Amino acid sequence: MERLWAPWRMEYILNCRQPGCFLCDAFQAESDREHLIVKRSKACAIIMNRYPYNNGHLMVAPYRHVDSVEALQPEEASDMMALAAMACTRLRELIQAQGFNLGINQGAAAGAGLKDHLHLHIVPRWAGDTNFMPILADVKVIPQPLLELWEKLQRVFG
């Protein structure tokens, strides 16, 4: 049996069920770099996914702790979509993304890992980006370190 070492996964395994809300904690913190916040806006922010599905995986979330799209205020919904559009534009420029999966998993039954703080996933895609690793080994290979990408994102988001 071949082994693929992914030591960064241990952080996820140990921290994935900690109490509190990591989004609220990040938005209240002063260090955007430490919390991988890429862009702050009036009602929402763009934050990198610490455990990405693909390189450049971002999330847009309101600052307010709400669990559904129905609970969003109109300005939060508008800001969320404006930031999502901005993120797609910047990811096309920076990492030459050819397409995107955008989605909200609302509630535990829909697969939300963080079911109490609504967030929109933006997953960059490229033609042929699915290789044998997810199919044979249930493993996704992310080719770029998070902080390296965060620094590049900071430059293009201004």
N, C-alpha and C. Protein backbone atom coordinates (compact mmCIF):
# COMPACT_ATOMS: atom_id res chain seq x y z
N MET A 1 0.85 -1.18 0.00
CA MET A 1 0.00 0.00 0.00
C MET A 1 0.89 1.24 0.00
N GLU A 2 0.58 2.19 -0.89
CA GLU A 2 1.29 3.45 -0.93
C GLU A 2 0.72 4.39 0.13
N ARG A 3 1.56 5.24 0.70
CA ARG A 3 1.11 6.20 1.69
C ARG A 3 1.40 7.60 1.21
N LEU A 4 0.44 8.48 1.40
CA LEU A 4 0.63 9.89 1.10
C LEU A 4 0.57 10.62 2.44
N TRP A 5 1.67 11.25 2.81
CA TRP A 5 1.73 11.96 4.08
C TRP A 5 1.16 13.35 3.90
N ALA A 6 0.20 13.69 4.72
CA ALA A 6 -0.43 15.01 4.70
C ALA A 6 -0.56 15.51 6.14
N PRO A 7 0.57 15.93 6.75
CA PRO A 7 0.53 16.30 8.16
C PRO A 7 -0.38 17.47 8.48
N TRP A 8 -0.69 18.33 7.52
CA TRP A 8 -1.59 19.45 7.78
C TRP A 8 -2.98 18.96 8.14
N ARG A 9 -3.36 17.74 7.74
CA ARG A 9 -4.69 17.21 8.05
C ARG A 9 -4.87 16.99 9.56
N MET A 10 -3.78 16.74 10.28
CA MET A 10 -3.89 16.50 11.72
C MET A 10 -4.47 17.72 12.42
N GLU A 11 -4.10 18.91 12.00
CA GLU A 11 -4.67 20.12 12.58
C GLU A 11 -6.19 20.12 12.42
N TYR A 12 -6.65 19.73 11.24
CA TYR A 12 -8.09 19.67 10.98
C TYR A 12 -8.75 18.62 11.88
N ILE A 13 -8.15 17.45 11.96
CA ILE A 13 -8.72 16.37 12.76
C ILE A 13 -8.85 16.78 14.22
N LEU A 14 -7.82 17.42 14.75
CA LEU A 14 -7.82 17.80 16.16
C LEU A 14 -8.68 19.03 16.46
N ASN A 15 -8.83 19.92 15.49
CA ASN A 15 -9.51 21.19 15.74
C ASN A 15 -10.91 21.30 15.15
N CYS A 16 -11.34 20.33 14.40
CA CYS A 16 -12.59 20.50 13.67
C CYS A 16 -13.82 20.55 14.58
N ARG A 17 -13.74 20.14 15.79
CA ARG A 17 -14.90 20.16 16.67
C ARG A 17 -14.70 21.03 17.90
N GLN A 18 -13.83 22.02 17.78
CA GLN A 18 -13.62 22.92 18.91
C GLN A 18 -14.87 23.79 19.10
N PRO A 19 -15.16 24.17 20.34
CA PRO A 19 -16.33 25.01 20.59
C PRO A 19 -16.16 26.40 20.00
N GLY A 20 -17.27 27.06 19.77
CA GLY A 20 -17.24 28.41 19.24
C GLY A 20 -17.36 28.41 17.73
N CYS A 21 -17.15 29.57 17.16
CA CYS A 21 -17.28 29.75 15.71
C CYS A 21 -15.97 30.34 15.18
N PHE A 22 -15.29 29.59 14.33
CA PHE A 22 -14.01 30.07 13.82
C PHE A 22 -14.18 31.31 12.95
N LEU A 23 -15.32 31.47 12.28
CA LEU A 23 -15.53 32.67 11.47
C LEU A 23 -15.69 33.90 12.37
N CYS A 24 -16.51 33.79 13.39
CA CYS A 24 -16.67 34.92 14.33
C CYS A 24 -15.33 35.26 14.98
N ASP A 25 -14.58 34.24 15.38
CA ASP A 25 -13.27 34.48 15.99
C ASP A 25 -12.35 35.21 15.01
N ALA A 26 -12.33 34.78 13.76
CA ALA A 26 -11.48 35.41 12.75
C ALA A 26 -11.88 36.85 12.50
N PHE A 27 -13.17 37.10 12.37
CA PHE A 27 -13.65 38.45 12.05
C PHE A 27 -13.41 39.43 13.19
N GLN A 28 -13.36 38.93 14.43
CA GLN A 28 -13.12 39.79 15.59
C GLN A 28 -11.64 39.98 15.88
N ALA A 29 -10.78 39.17 15.26
CA ALA A 29 -9.34 39.25 15.51
C ALA A 29 -8.73 40.41 14.74
N GLU A 30 -7.54 40.78 15.14
CA GLU A 30 -6.85 41.88 14.48
C GLU A 30 -5.94 41.41 13.35
N SER A 31 -5.49 40.19 13.38
CA SER A 31 -4.54 39.69 12.39
C SER A 31 -5.25 38.98 11.25
N ASP A 32 -5.43 39.68 10.13
CA ASP A 32 -6.05 39.05 8.97
C ASP A 32 -5.17 37.94 8.41
N ARG A 33 -3.86 38.11 8.46
CA ARG A 33 -2.95 37.09 7.94
C ARG A 33 -3.10 35.79 8.72
N GLU A 34 -3.10 35.89 10.03
CA GLU A 34 -3.22 34.69 10.88
C GLU A 34 -4.52 33.93 10.61
N HIS A 35 -5.57 34.67 10.32
CA HIS A 35 -6.88 34.06 10.11
C HIS A 35 -7.24 33.91 8.63
N LEU A 36 -6.30 34.25 7.76
CA LEU A 36 -6.43 34.07 6.31
C LEU A 36 -7.59 34.88 5.71
N ILE A 37 -7.86 36.05 6.31
CA ILE A 37 -8.88 36.93 5.75
C ILE A 37 -8.25 37.70 4.59
N VAL A 38 -8.89 37.60 3.44
CA VAL A 38 -8.36 38.19 2.22
C VAL A 38 -8.90 39.60 1.99
N LYS A 39 -10.17 39.79 2.28
CA LYS A 39 -10.81 41.08 2.00
C LYS A 39 -11.94 41.29 2.98
N ARG A 40 -11.98 42.48 3.57
CA ARG A 40 -13.09 42.87 4.44
C ARG A 40 -13.94 43.89 3.69
N SER A 41 -15.23 43.76 3.81
CA SER A 41 -16.15 44.71 3.22
C SER A 41 -17.07 45.21 4.33
N LYS A 42 -18.15 45.89 3.96
CA LYS A 42 -19.02 46.48 4.97
C LYS A 42 -19.74 45.43 5.83
N ALA A 43 -20.32 44.41 5.19
CA ALA A 43 -21.14 43.44 5.92
C ALA A 43 -20.57 42.02 5.92
N CYS A 44 -19.61 41.76 5.02
CA CYS A 44 -19.07 40.41 4.84
C CYS A 44 -17.56 40.47 4.62
N ALA A 45 -16.94 39.31 4.61
CA ALA A 45 -15.52 39.21 4.32
C ALA A 45 -15.25 37.97 3.49
N ILE A 46 -14.11 38.00 2.80
CA ILE A 46 -13.62 36.83 2.07
C ILE A 46 -12.51 36.24 2.92
N ILE A 47 -12.59 34.94 3.14
CA ILE A 47 -11.59 34.24 3.95
C ILE A 47 -11.19 32.96 3.22
N MET A 48 -9.91 32.62 3.32
CA MET A 48 -9.45 31.39 2.70
C MET A 48 -9.93 30.19 3.50
N ASN A 49 -10.21 29.11 2.80
CA ASN A 49 -10.54 27.86 3.48
C ASN A 49 -9.23 27.21 3.91
N ARG A 50 -9.07 27.01 5.20
CA ARG A 50 -7.85 26.43 5.75
C ARG A 50 -7.66 24.98 5.33
N TYR A 51 -8.73 24.32 4.92
CA TYR A 51 -8.70 22.93 4.47
C TYR A 51 -9.34 22.86 3.08
N PRO A 52 -8.66 23.41 2.06
CA PRO A 52 -9.29 23.65 0.76
C PRO A 52 -9.59 22.39 -0.04
N TYR A 53 -10.66 22.47 -0.83
CA TYR A 53 -11.00 21.42 -1.78
C TYR A 53 -10.09 21.53 -3.00
N ASN A 54 -9.69 22.73 -3.35
CA ASN A 54 -8.82 23.02 -4.48
C ASN A 54 -7.98 24.23 -4.12
N ASN A 55 -6.88 24.41 -4.83
CA ASN A 55 -6.05 25.60 -4.62
C ASN A 55 -6.90 26.85 -4.87
N GLY A 56 -6.83 27.82 -3.96
CA GLY A 56 -7.58 29.06 -4.11
C GLY A 56 -8.99 29.01 -3.56
N HIS A 57 -9.36 27.96 -2.85
CA HIS A 57 -10.70 27.82 -2.27
C HIS A 57 -10.94 28.92 -1.25
N LEU A 58 -11.93 29.77 -1.54
CA LEU A 58 -12.28 30.88 -0.66
C LEU A 58 -13.70 30.71 -0.13
N MET A 59 -14.01 31.47 0.91
CA MET A 59 -15.37 31.51 1.43
C MET A 59 -15.75 32.97 1.66
N VAL A 60 -17.01 33.29 1.44
CA VAL A 60 -17.54 34.61 1.75
C VAL A 60 -18.57 34.41 2.85
N ALA A 61 -18.43 35.18 3.91
CA ALA A 61 -19.35 35.03 5.04
C ALA A 61 -19.70 36.40 5.62
N PRO A 62 -20.92 36.52 6.13
CA PRO A 62 -21.28 37.77 6.81
C PRO A 62 -20.58 37.83 8.16
N TYR A 63 -20.34 39.03 8.63
CA TYR A 63 -19.77 39.19 9.98
C TYR A 63 -20.77 38.70 11.03
N ARG A 64 -22.03 38.95 10.76
CA ARG A 64 -23.08 38.57 11.71
C ARG A 64 -23.25 37.06 11.69
N HIS A 65 -23.39 36.47 12.85
CA HIS A 65 -23.52 35.03 13.01
C HIS A 65 -24.97 34.63 12.71
N VAL A 66 -25.22 34.22 11.46
CA VAL A 66 -26.55 33.77 11.03
C VAL A 66 -26.41 32.41 10.37
N ASP A 67 -27.48 31.60 10.44
CA ASP A 67 -27.38 30.23 9.96
C ASP A 67 -28.11 29.94 8.65
N SER A 68 -28.72 30.95 8.03
CA SER A 68 -29.47 30.67 6.81
C SER A 68 -29.52 31.90 5.91
N VAL A 69 -29.77 31.66 4.62
CA VAL A 69 -29.91 32.79 3.70
C VAL A 69 -31.15 33.60 4.04
N GLU A 70 -32.15 32.95 4.62
CA GLU A 70 -33.37 33.67 5.01
C GLU A 70 -33.10 34.68 6.11
N ALA A 71 -32.07 34.44 6.91
CA ALA A 71 -31.74 35.33 8.03
C ALA A 71 -30.87 36.51 7.61
N LEU A 72 -30.36 36.50 6.39
CA LEU A 72 -29.50 37.61 5.94
C LEU A 72 -30.31 38.89 5.76
N GLN A 73 -29.71 39.99 6.14
CA GLN A 73 -30.26 41.30 5.83
C GLN A 73 -29.97 41.58 4.35
N PRO A 74 -30.78 42.39 3.68
CA PRO A 74 -30.53 42.67 2.26
C PRO A 74 -29.10 43.14 1.96
N GLU A 75 -28.54 44.00 2.82
CA GLU A 75 -27.18 44.48 2.57
C GLU A 75 -26.14 43.37 2.72
N GLU A 76 -26.41 42.40 3.59
CA GLU A 76 -25.48 41.27 3.74
C GLU A 76 -25.53 40.37 2.50
N ALA A 77 -26.73 40.11 2.01
CA ALA A 77 -26.88 39.27 0.82
C ALA A 77 -26.22 39.94 -0.39
N SER A 78 -26.43 41.23 -0.52
CA SER A 78 -25.85 41.98 -1.63
C SER A 78 -24.32 42.00 -1.54
N ASP A 79 -23.80 42.24 -0.35
CA ASP A 79 -22.36 42.28 -0.14
C ASP A 79 -21.75 40.90 -0.40
N MET A 80 -22.42 39.85 0.03
CA MET A 80 -21.93 38.49 -0.17
C MET A 80 -21.75 38.20 -1.67
N MET A 81 -22.75 38.56 -2.47
CA MET A 81 -22.67 38.28 -3.90
C MET A 81 -21.65 39.18 -4.59
N ALA A 82 -21.53 40.43 -4.17
CA ALA A 82 -20.54 41.32 -4.75
C ALA A 82 -19.12 40.81 -4.46
N LEU A 83 -18.89 40.34 -3.25
CA LEU A 83 -17.58 39.78 -2.90
C LEU A 83 -17.31 38.49 -3.65
N ALA A 84 -18.34 37.67 -3.85
CA ALA A 84 -18.17 36.43 -4.61
C ALA A 84 -17.76 36.74 -6.04
N ALA A 85 -18.40 37.73 -6.65
CA ALA A 85 -18.04 38.12 -8.02
C ALA A 85 -16.61 38.65 -8.07
N MET A 86 -16.24 39.47 -7.09
CA MET A 86 -14.88 39.99 -7.02
C MET A 86 -13.88 38.85 -6.88
N ALA A 87 -14.19 37.89 -6.02
CA ALA A 87 -13.30 36.76 -5.80
C ALA A 87 -13.08 35.97 -7.09
N CYS A 88 -14.15 35.72 -7.83
CA CYS A 88 -14.01 34.98 -9.09
C CYS A 88 -13.12 35.74 -10.07
N THR A 89 -13.33 37.04 -10.18
CA THR A 89 -12.51 37.87 -11.07
C THR A 89 -11.05 37.80 -10.68
N ARG A 90 -10.75 37.98 -9.40
CA ARG A 90 -9.36 37.99 -8.93
C ARG A 90 -8.71 36.61 -9.07
N LEU A 91 -9.47 35.54 -8.83
CA LEU A 91 -8.90 34.19 -8.96
C LEU A 91 -8.63 33.85 -10.43
N ARG A 92 -9.47 34.35 -11.33
CA ARG A 92 -9.18 34.16 -12.76
C ARG A 92 -7.85 34.83 -13.12
N GLU A 93 -7.63 36.03 -12.61
CA GLU A 93 -6.40 36.77 -12.88
C GLU A 93 -5.18 36.11 -12.25
N LEU A 94 -5.29 35.76 -10.98
CA LEU A 94 -4.14 35.32 -10.20
C LEU A 94 -3.73 33.88 -10.48
N ILE A 95 -4.68 32.96 -10.48
CA ILE A 95 -4.32 31.55 -10.63
C ILE A 95 -4.92 30.93 -11.89
N GLN A 96 -5.40 31.78 -12.79
CA GLN A 96 -5.96 31.36 -14.07
C GLN A 96 -7.07 30.32 -13.94
N ALA A 97 -7.93 30.51 -12.94
CA ALA A 97 -9.07 29.61 -12.78
C ALA A 97 -9.93 29.69 -14.04
N GLN A 98 -10.41 28.54 -14.51
CA GLN A 98 -11.21 28.48 -15.72
C GLN A 98 -12.71 28.39 -15.43
N GLY A 99 -13.03 28.09 -14.21
CA GLY A 99 -14.43 27.98 -13.80
C GLY A 99 -14.49 27.93 -12.28
N PHE A 100 -15.71 27.86 -11.75
CA PHE A 100 -15.88 27.86 -10.29
C PHE A 100 -17.08 27.02 -9.90
N ASN A 101 -16.98 26.40 -8.75
CA ASN A 101 -18.14 25.86 -8.06
C ASN A 101 -18.42 26.83 -6.92
N LEU A 102 -19.62 27.40 -6.89
CA LEU A 102 -20.05 28.26 -5.81
C LEU A 102 -21.19 27.57 -5.10
N GLY A 103 -21.14 27.53 -3.77
CA GLY A 103 -22.21 26.85 -3.08
C GLY A 103 -22.30 27.17 -1.61
N ILE A 104 -23.52 26.99 -1.11
CA ILE A 104 -23.83 27.16 0.31
C ILE A 104 -24.43 25.86 0.79
N ASN A 105 -23.83 25.27 1.81
CA ASN A 105 -24.38 24.08 2.46
C ASN A 105 -25.10 24.59 3.71
N GLN A 106 -26.40 24.71 3.62
CA GLN A 106 -27.17 25.30 4.71
C GLN A 106 -27.77 24.20 5.57
N GLY A 107 -27.24 24.05 6.78
CA GLY A 107 -27.73 23.06 7.72
C GLY A 107 -26.95 21.75 7.66
N ALA A 108 -26.94 21.02 8.77
CA ALA A 108 -26.20 19.76 8.86
C ALA A 108 -26.69 18.74 7.84
N ALA A 109 -27.99 18.71 7.58
CA ALA A 109 -28.55 17.75 6.61
C ALA A 109 -28.04 18.01 5.20
N ALA A 110 -27.61 19.24 4.93
CA ALA A 110 -27.09 19.60 3.60
C ALA A 110 -25.57 19.47 3.54
N GLY A 111 -24.96 18.99 4.61
CA GLY A 111 -23.52 18.78 4.61
C GLY A 111 -22.68 19.90 5.17
N ALA A 112 -23.31 20.87 5.83
CA ALA A 112 -22.55 21.99 6.40
C ALA A 112 -21.70 21.51 7.57
N GLY A 113 -20.39 21.71 7.45
CA GLY A 113 -19.49 21.40 8.55
C GLY A 113 -19.61 22.43 9.66
N LEU A 114 -19.84 23.67 9.26
CA LEU A 114 -20.10 24.77 10.20
C LEU A 114 -21.55 25.18 9.92
N LYS A 115 -22.46 24.59 10.65
CA LYS A 115 -23.88 24.76 10.33
C LYS A 115 -24.52 26.03 10.90
N ASP A 116 -23.83 26.72 11.80
CA ASP A 116 -24.44 27.87 12.46
C ASP A 116 -24.02 29.23 11.90
N HIS A 117 -22.99 29.27 11.05
CA HIS A 117 -22.55 30.54 10.47
C HIS A 117 -22.49 30.36 8.95
N LEU A 118 -23.47 30.93 8.30
CA LEU A 118 -23.61 30.80 6.85
C LEU A 118 -22.35 31.28 6.13
N HIS A 119 -21.95 30.54 5.10
CA HIS A 119 -20.81 30.95 4.28
C HIS A 119 -20.98 30.36 2.88
N LEU A 120 -20.46 31.10 1.91
CA LEU A 120 -20.52 30.72 0.51
C LEU A 120 -19.13 30.25 0.07
N HIS A 121 -19.06 29.00 -0.41
CA HIS A 121 -17.80 28.45 -0.90
C HIS A 121 -17.57 28.89 -2.35
N ILE A 122 -16.33 29.25 -2.65
CA ILE A 122 -15.91 29.55 -4.02
C ILE A 122 -14.72 28.64 -4.29
N VAL A 123 -14.94 27.64 -5.14
CA VAL A 123 -13.91 26.64 -5.43
C VAL A 123 -13.47 26.78 -6.89
N PRO A 124 -12.23 27.26 -7.11
CA PRO A 124 -11.73 27.38 -8.48
C PRO A 124 -11.60 26.01 -9.14
N ARG A 125 -11.84 25.99 -10.45
CA ARG A 125 -11.75 24.74 -11.22
C ARG A 125 -10.99 24.99 -12.52
N TRP A 126 -10.39 23.93 -13.04
CA TRP A 126 -9.67 23.94 -14.30
C TRP A 126 -10.08 22.71 -15.09
N ALA A 127 -10.10 22.84 -16.40
CA ALA A 127 -10.40 21.69 -17.25
C ALA A 127 -9.41 20.57 -16.92
N GLY A 128 -9.94 19.40 -16.61
CA GLY A 128 -9.09 18.25 -16.31
C GLY A 128 -8.46 18.28 -14.93
N ASP A 129 -9.01 19.08 -13.99
CA ASP A 129 -8.37 19.16 -12.67
C ASP A 129 -8.64 17.97 -11.77
N THR A 130 -9.53 17.10 -12.16
CA THR A 130 -9.75 15.88 -11.39
C THR A 130 -8.77 14.83 -11.89
N ASN A 131 -7.89 14.40 -10.99
CA ASN A 131 -6.93 13.37 -11.38
C ASN A 131 -7.24 12.08 -10.62
N PHE A 132 -6.34 11.15 -10.63
CA PHE A 132 -6.58 9.85 -10.02
C PHE A 132 -6.58 9.88 -8.49
N MET A 133 -5.99 10.90 -7.86
CA MET A 133 -5.87 10.90 -6.40
C MET A 133 -7.23 10.86 -5.69
N PRO A 134 -8.18 11.74 -6.02
CA PRO A 134 -9.47 11.67 -5.31
C PRO A 134 -10.24 10.38 -5.62
N ILE A 135 -10.04 9.84 -6.80
CA ILE A 135 -10.78 8.65 -7.22
C ILE A 135 -10.24 7.40 -6.55
N LEU A 136 -8.92 7.22 -6.58
CA LEU A 136 -8.32 6.00 -6.05
C LEU A 136 -7.99 6.08 -4.57
N ALA A 137 -7.59 7.24 -4.11
CA ALA A 137 -7.08 7.34 -2.74
C ALA A 137 -7.92 8.24 -1.84
N ASP A 138 -9.01 8.83 -2.36
CA ASP A 138 -9.81 9.76 -1.59
C ASP A 138 -8.94 10.87 -1.00
N VAL A 139 -8.01 11.37 -1.82
CA VAL A 139 -7.05 12.39 -1.41
C VAL A 139 -7.04 13.49 -2.46
N LYS A 140 -6.99 14.72 -2.03
CA LYS A 140 -6.87 15.87 -2.94
C LYS A 140 -5.52 16.51 -2.70
N VAL A 141 -4.76 16.76 -3.75
CA VAL A 141 -3.44 17.37 -3.64
C VAL A 141 -3.58 18.86 -3.89
N ILE A 142 -3.15 19.67 -2.92
CA ILE A 142 -3.17 21.13 -3.04
C ILE A 142 -1.73 21.57 -3.25
N PRO A 143 -1.42 22.18 -4.41
CA PRO A 143 -0.02 22.43 -4.76
C PRO A 143 0.63 23.67 -4.16
N GLN A 144 -0.11 24.53 -3.47
CA GLN A 144 0.47 25.80 -3.03
C GLN A 144 0.23 26.02 -1.54
N PRO A 145 1.25 26.43 -0.80
CA PRO A 145 1.06 26.72 0.63
C PRO A 145 0.06 27.86 0.84
N LEU A 146 -0.76 27.76 1.88
CA LEU A 146 -1.81 28.74 2.13
C LEU A 146 -1.30 30.16 2.30
N LEU A 147 -0.27 30.36 3.10
CA LEU A 147 0.22 31.72 3.34
C LEU A 147 0.86 32.33 2.10
N GLU A 148 1.47 31.50 1.26
CA GLU A 148 2.01 32.01 -0.01
C GLU A 148 0.87 32.55 -0.88
N LEU A 149 -0.21 31.79 -0.97
CA LEU A 149 -1.36 32.24 -1.75
C LEU A 149 -2.03 33.44 -1.09
N TRP A 150 -2.13 33.47 0.26
CA TRP A 150 -2.73 34.60 0.96
C TRP A 150 -2.00 35.89 0.59
N GLU A 151 -0.67 35.85 0.56
CA GLU A 151 0.09 37.05 0.22
C GLU A 151 -0.19 37.50 -1.21
N LYS A 152 -0.31 36.58 -2.13
CA LYS A 152 -0.64 36.93 -3.51
C LYS A 152 -2.06 37.48 -3.61
N LEU A 153 -2.99 36.89 -2.87
CA LEU A 153 -4.36 37.37 -2.87
C LEU A 153 -4.43 38.79 -2.30
N GLN A 154 -3.65 39.08 -1.29
CA GLN A 154 -3.63 40.42 -0.70
C GLN A 154 -3.25 41.46 -1.75
N ARG A 155 -2.31 41.09 -2.61
CA ARG A 155 -1.88 42.04 -3.65
C ARG A 155 -2.98 42.29 -4.68
N VAL A 156 -3.70 41.26 -5.08
CA VAL A 156 -4.72 41.47 -6.13
C VAL A 156 -6.03 42.00 -5.58
N PHE A 157 -6.32 41.79 -4.30
CA PHE A 157 -7.54 42.34 -3.71
C PHE A 157 -7.35 43.77 -3.23
N GLY A 158 -6.09 44.17 -3.09
CA GLY A 158 -5.81 45.56 -2.68
C GLY A 158 -6.21 45.80 -1.30
